[in-house]
Structure formats: structure tokens, C-alpha cells
């Protein structure tokens, strides 16, 4: 069985990160960020989650590529 858990984790985190980043971009300058000292938390953490999901996808796809003989 050749199941790599990084692929679905990467897909889910990338999807959630894209949604959160999009929401943060659409609500830039809104009054909802006043309690957080004006910091757009949705945009920042959406970017972090999106980068983590992209990294997991990259690791999963890198592991699927066949390696040339003689390499570790």
C-alpha cells in the first residue's frame, strides 16, 4: 500500500489557507481588526497556513517522482 498522508494534508491546508488569505485580502482596513491592534490576522495566518500546505504538497509530490538508479 503506497499511501502518502502528506498529499491530503497539503490539499486541506492549502484550501483553508487560500480561503483565509482571500478573506483577509477582502477585509483589509476593516474595523473588525481594531481589537487586534489593526493587524490583519486573517491575512497573515492565511499566508502561513497556505505556505505550510504548499510545502506539504511539494514534499508529497517530490516523494512520488522516480529516482534514478544509484541515488539515495
N, C-alpha and C. Protein backbone atom coordinates (compact mmCIF):
# COMPACT_ATOMS: atom_id res chain seq x y z
N UNK A 1 0.84 -1.17 0.00
CA UNK A 1 0.00 0.00 0.00
C UNK A 1 0.90 1.24 0.00
N UNK A 2 0.66 2.11 -0.95
CA UNK A 2 1.51 3.28 -1.12
C UNK A 2 0.68 4.55 -0.91
N UNK A 3 0.37 4.84 0.34
CA UNK A 3 -0.45 5.99 0.68
C UNK A 3 0.40 7.02 1.41
N UNK A 4 0.46 8.23 0.87
CA UNK A 4 1.23 9.29 1.48
C UNK A 4 0.26 10.29 2.10
N UNK A 5 0.29 10.40 3.41
CA UNK A 5 -0.64 11.27 4.13
C UNK A 5 -0.37 12.74 3.88
N UNK A 6 0.81 13.09 3.38
CA UNK A 6 1.14 14.49 3.12
C UNK A 6 0.28 15.08 2.01
N UNK A 7 -0.19 14.26 1.09
CA UNK A 7 -1.00 14.78 -0.02
C UNK A 7 -2.35 15.32 0.45
N UNK A 8 -3.19 14.56 1.17
CA UNK A 8 -4.46 15.15 1.62
C UNK A 8 -4.27 16.26 2.66
N UNK A 9 -3.24 16.15 3.49
CA UNK A 9 -2.98 17.22 4.46
C UNK A 9 -2.60 18.50 3.72
N UNK A 10 -1.76 18.37 2.71
CA UNK A 10 -1.37 19.54 1.92
C UNK A 10 -2.54 20.16 1.19
N UNK A 11 -3.42 19.32 0.66
CA UNK A 11 -4.60 19.84 -0.04
C UNK A 11 -5.53 20.60 0.91
N UNK A 12 -5.78 20.03 2.08
CA UNK A 12 -6.69 20.65 3.04
C UNK A 12 -6.11 21.97 3.55
N UNK A 13 -4.83 21.96 3.93
CA UNK A 13 -4.22 23.18 4.45
C UNK A 13 -4.12 24.25 3.36
N UNK A 14 -3.83 23.85 2.13
CA UNK A 14 -3.77 24.82 1.04
C UNK A 14 -5.14 25.44 0.77
N UNK A 15 -6.17 24.63 0.81
CA UNK A 15 -7.52 25.14 0.59
C UNK A 15 -7.93 26.10 1.70
N UNK A 16 -7.73 25.70 2.96
CA UNK A 16 -8.08 26.58 4.08
C UNK A 16 -7.23 27.85 4.08
N UNK A 17 -5.96 27.72 3.75
CA UNK A 17 -5.09 28.88 3.69
C UNK A 17 -5.50 29.85 2.60
N UNK A 18 -5.90 29.32 1.44
CA UNK A 18 -6.35 30.18 0.35
C UNK A 18 -7.64 30.91 0.72
N UNK A 19 -8.56 30.21 1.38
CA UNK A 19 -9.81 30.84 1.81
C UNK A 19 -9.54 31.93 2.84
N UNK A 20 -8.69 31.63 3.82
CA UNK A 20 -8.39 32.61 4.87
C UNK A 20 -7.62 33.81 4.32
N UNK A 21 -6.70 33.56 3.41
CA UNK A 21 -5.96 34.66 2.79
C UNK A 21 -6.89 35.52 1.95
N UNK A 22 -7.77 34.90 1.21
CA UNK A 22 -8.74 35.66 0.41
C UNK A 22 -9.65 36.51 1.27
N UNK A 23 -10.09 35.95 2.39
CA UNK A 23 -10.94 36.72 3.29
C UNK A 23 -10.16 37.89 3.89
N UNK A 24 -8.90 37.65 4.23
CA UNK A 24 -8.07 38.73 4.77
C UNK A 24 -7.83 39.82 3.75
N UNK A 25 -7.68 39.45 2.49
CA UNK A 25 -7.50 40.46 1.44
C UNK A 25 -8.77 41.27 1.21
N UNK A 26 -9.93 40.61 1.29
CA UNK A 26 -11.19 41.31 1.05
C UNK A 26 -11.56 42.24 2.20
N UNK A 27 -11.09 41.97 3.40
CA UNK A 27 -11.47 42.78 4.56
C UNK A 27 -10.34 43.68 5.03
N UNK A 28 -9.40 43.99 4.16
CA UNK A 28 -8.29 44.88 4.54
C UNK A 28 -8.83 46.24 4.95
N UNK A 29 -8.31 46.79 6.04
CA UNK A 29 -8.72 48.10 6.51
C UNK A 29 -10.07 48.12 7.21
N UNK A 30 -10.63 46.98 7.49
CA UNK A 30 -11.94 46.91 8.13
C UNK A 30 -11.83 47.14 9.63
N UNK A 31 -12.93 47.52 10.23
CA UNK A 31 -12.96 47.78 11.67
C UNK A 31 -12.90 46.50 12.50
N UNK A 32 -13.04 45.34 11.88
CA UNK A 32 -13.00 44.10 12.65
C UNK A 32 -11.60 43.82 13.20
N UNK A 33 -10.60 44.52 12.69
CA UNK A 33 -9.23 44.30 13.16
C UNK A 33 -8.81 45.28 14.25
N UNK A 34 -9.71 46.12 14.71
CA UNK A 34 -9.39 47.04 15.80
C UNK A 34 -9.01 46.33 17.10
N UNK A 35 -9.71 45.26 17.51
CA UNK A 35 -9.30 44.58 18.74
C UNK A 35 -7.91 43.94 18.66
N UNK A 36 -7.43 43.65 17.46
CA UNK A 36 -6.10 43.05 17.31
C UNK A 36 -5.05 44.09 16.93
N UNK A 37 -5.25 45.33 17.39
CA UNK A 37 -4.34 46.44 17.16
C UNK A 37 -4.18 46.76 15.68
N UNK A 38 -5.21 46.51 14.91
CA UNK A 38 -5.18 46.82 13.49
C UNK A 38 -4.43 45.83 12.64
N UNK A 39 -3.99 44.71 13.21
CA UNK A 39 -3.24 43.69 12.47
C UNK A 39 -4.23 42.77 11.77
N UNK A 40 -4.05 42.58 10.48
CA UNK A 40 -4.92 41.70 9.71
C UNK A 40 -4.49 40.26 9.96
N UNK A 41 -5.04 39.68 11.02
CA UNK A 41 -4.66 38.34 11.44
C UNK A 41 -5.06 37.30 10.40
N UNK A 42 -6.19 37.49 9.76
CA UNK A 42 -6.65 36.54 8.75
C UNK A 42 -5.67 36.46 7.59
N UNK A 43 -5.17 37.59 7.15
CA UNK A 43 -4.24 37.61 6.04
C UNK A 43 -2.91 36.97 6.41
N UNK A 44 -2.40 37.31 7.58
CA UNK A 44 -1.10 36.77 8.00
C UNK A 44 -1.15 35.27 8.23
N UNK A 45 -2.13 34.80 9.00
CA UNK A 45 -2.19 33.38 9.27
C UNK A 45 -2.67 32.58 8.07
N UNK A 46 -3.46 33.20 7.21
CA UNK A 46 -3.84 32.53 5.96
C UNK A 46 -2.62 32.27 5.10
N UNK A 47 -1.71 33.24 5.05
CA UNK A 47 -0.47 33.05 4.28
C UNK A 47 0.39 31.96 4.90
N UNK A 48 0.46 31.91 6.22
CA UNK A 48 1.25 30.88 6.90
C UNK A 48 0.66 29.49 6.63
N UNK A 49 -0.64 29.36 6.75
CA UNK A 49 -1.30 28.07 6.51
C UNK A 49 -1.16 27.66 5.04
N UNK A 50 -1.27 28.62 4.13
CA UNK A 50 -1.11 28.34 2.71
C UNK A 50 0.31 27.88 2.40
N UNK A 51 1.30 28.52 2.99
CA UNK A 51 2.69 28.08 2.78
C UNK A 51 2.94 26.69 3.34
N UNK A 52 2.37 26.39 4.50
CA UNK A 52 2.52 25.05 5.06
C UNK A 52 1.87 24.01 4.16
N UNK A 53 0.68 24.29 3.65
CA UNK A 53 0.02 23.36 2.75
C UNK A 53 0.80 23.17 1.46
N UNK A 54 1.36 24.24 0.92
CA UNK A 54 2.17 24.12 -0.30
C UNK A 54 3.43 23.31 -0.03
N UNK A 55 4.02 23.49 1.14
CA UNK A 55 5.21 22.72 1.49
C UNK A 55 4.88 21.23 1.61
N UNK A 56 3.75 20.91 2.21
CA UNK A 56 3.34 19.50 2.33
C UNK A 56 3.06 18.90 0.95
N UNK A 57 2.41 19.66 0.09
CA UNK A 57 2.16 19.17 -1.27
C UNK A 57 3.47 18.95 -2.02
N UNK A 58 4.41 19.87 -1.87
CA UNK A 58 5.69 19.72 -2.54
C UNK A 58 6.42 18.48 -2.04
N UNK A 59 6.38 18.24 -0.73
CA UNK A 59 7.03 17.05 -0.17
C UNK A 59 6.37 15.77 -0.68
N UNK A 60 5.05 15.77 -0.79
CA UNK A 60 4.34 14.58 -1.26
C UNK A 60 4.62 14.32 -2.73
N UNK A 61 4.63 15.37 -3.53
CA UNK A 61 4.88 15.19 -4.96
C UNK A 61 6.34 14.85 -5.23
N UNK A 62 7.23 15.36 -4.42
CA UNK A 62 8.65 15.03 -4.58
C UNK A 62 8.91 13.57 -4.27
N UNK A 63 8.19 13.01 -3.31
CA UNK A 63 8.36 11.61 -2.94
C UNK A 63 7.81 10.67 -4.02
N UNK A 64 6.89 11.13 -4.84
CA UNK A 64 6.31 10.29 -5.89
C UNK A 64 7.19 10.14 -7.12
N UNK A 65 8.10 11.10 -7.34
CA UNK A 65 8.93 11.06 -8.54
C UNK A 65 9.90 9.87 -8.46
N UNK A 66 10.02 9.15 -9.56
CA UNK A 66 11.00 8.05 -9.55
C UNK A 66 12.43 8.60 -9.52
N UNK A 67 13.26 7.97 -8.75
CA UNK A 67 14.65 8.41 -8.61
C UNK A 67 15.52 7.59 -9.55
N UNK A 68 16.55 8.22 -10.09
CA UNK A 68 17.47 7.47 -10.96
C UNK A 68 18.22 6.43 -10.15
N UNK A 69 18.61 5.33 -10.78
CA UNK A 69 19.33 4.29 -10.04
C UNK A 69 20.66 4.83 -9.51
N UNK A 70 21.01 4.39 -8.32
CA UNK A 70 22.26 4.80 -7.72
C UNK A 70 22.18 6.02 -6.83
N UNK A 71 20.97 6.61 -6.69
CA UNK A 71 20.83 7.76 -5.80
C UNK A 71 20.05 7.34 -4.57
N UNK A 72 20.33 7.96 -3.47
CA UNK A 72 19.66 7.59 -2.22
C UNK A 72 18.38 8.34 -2.04
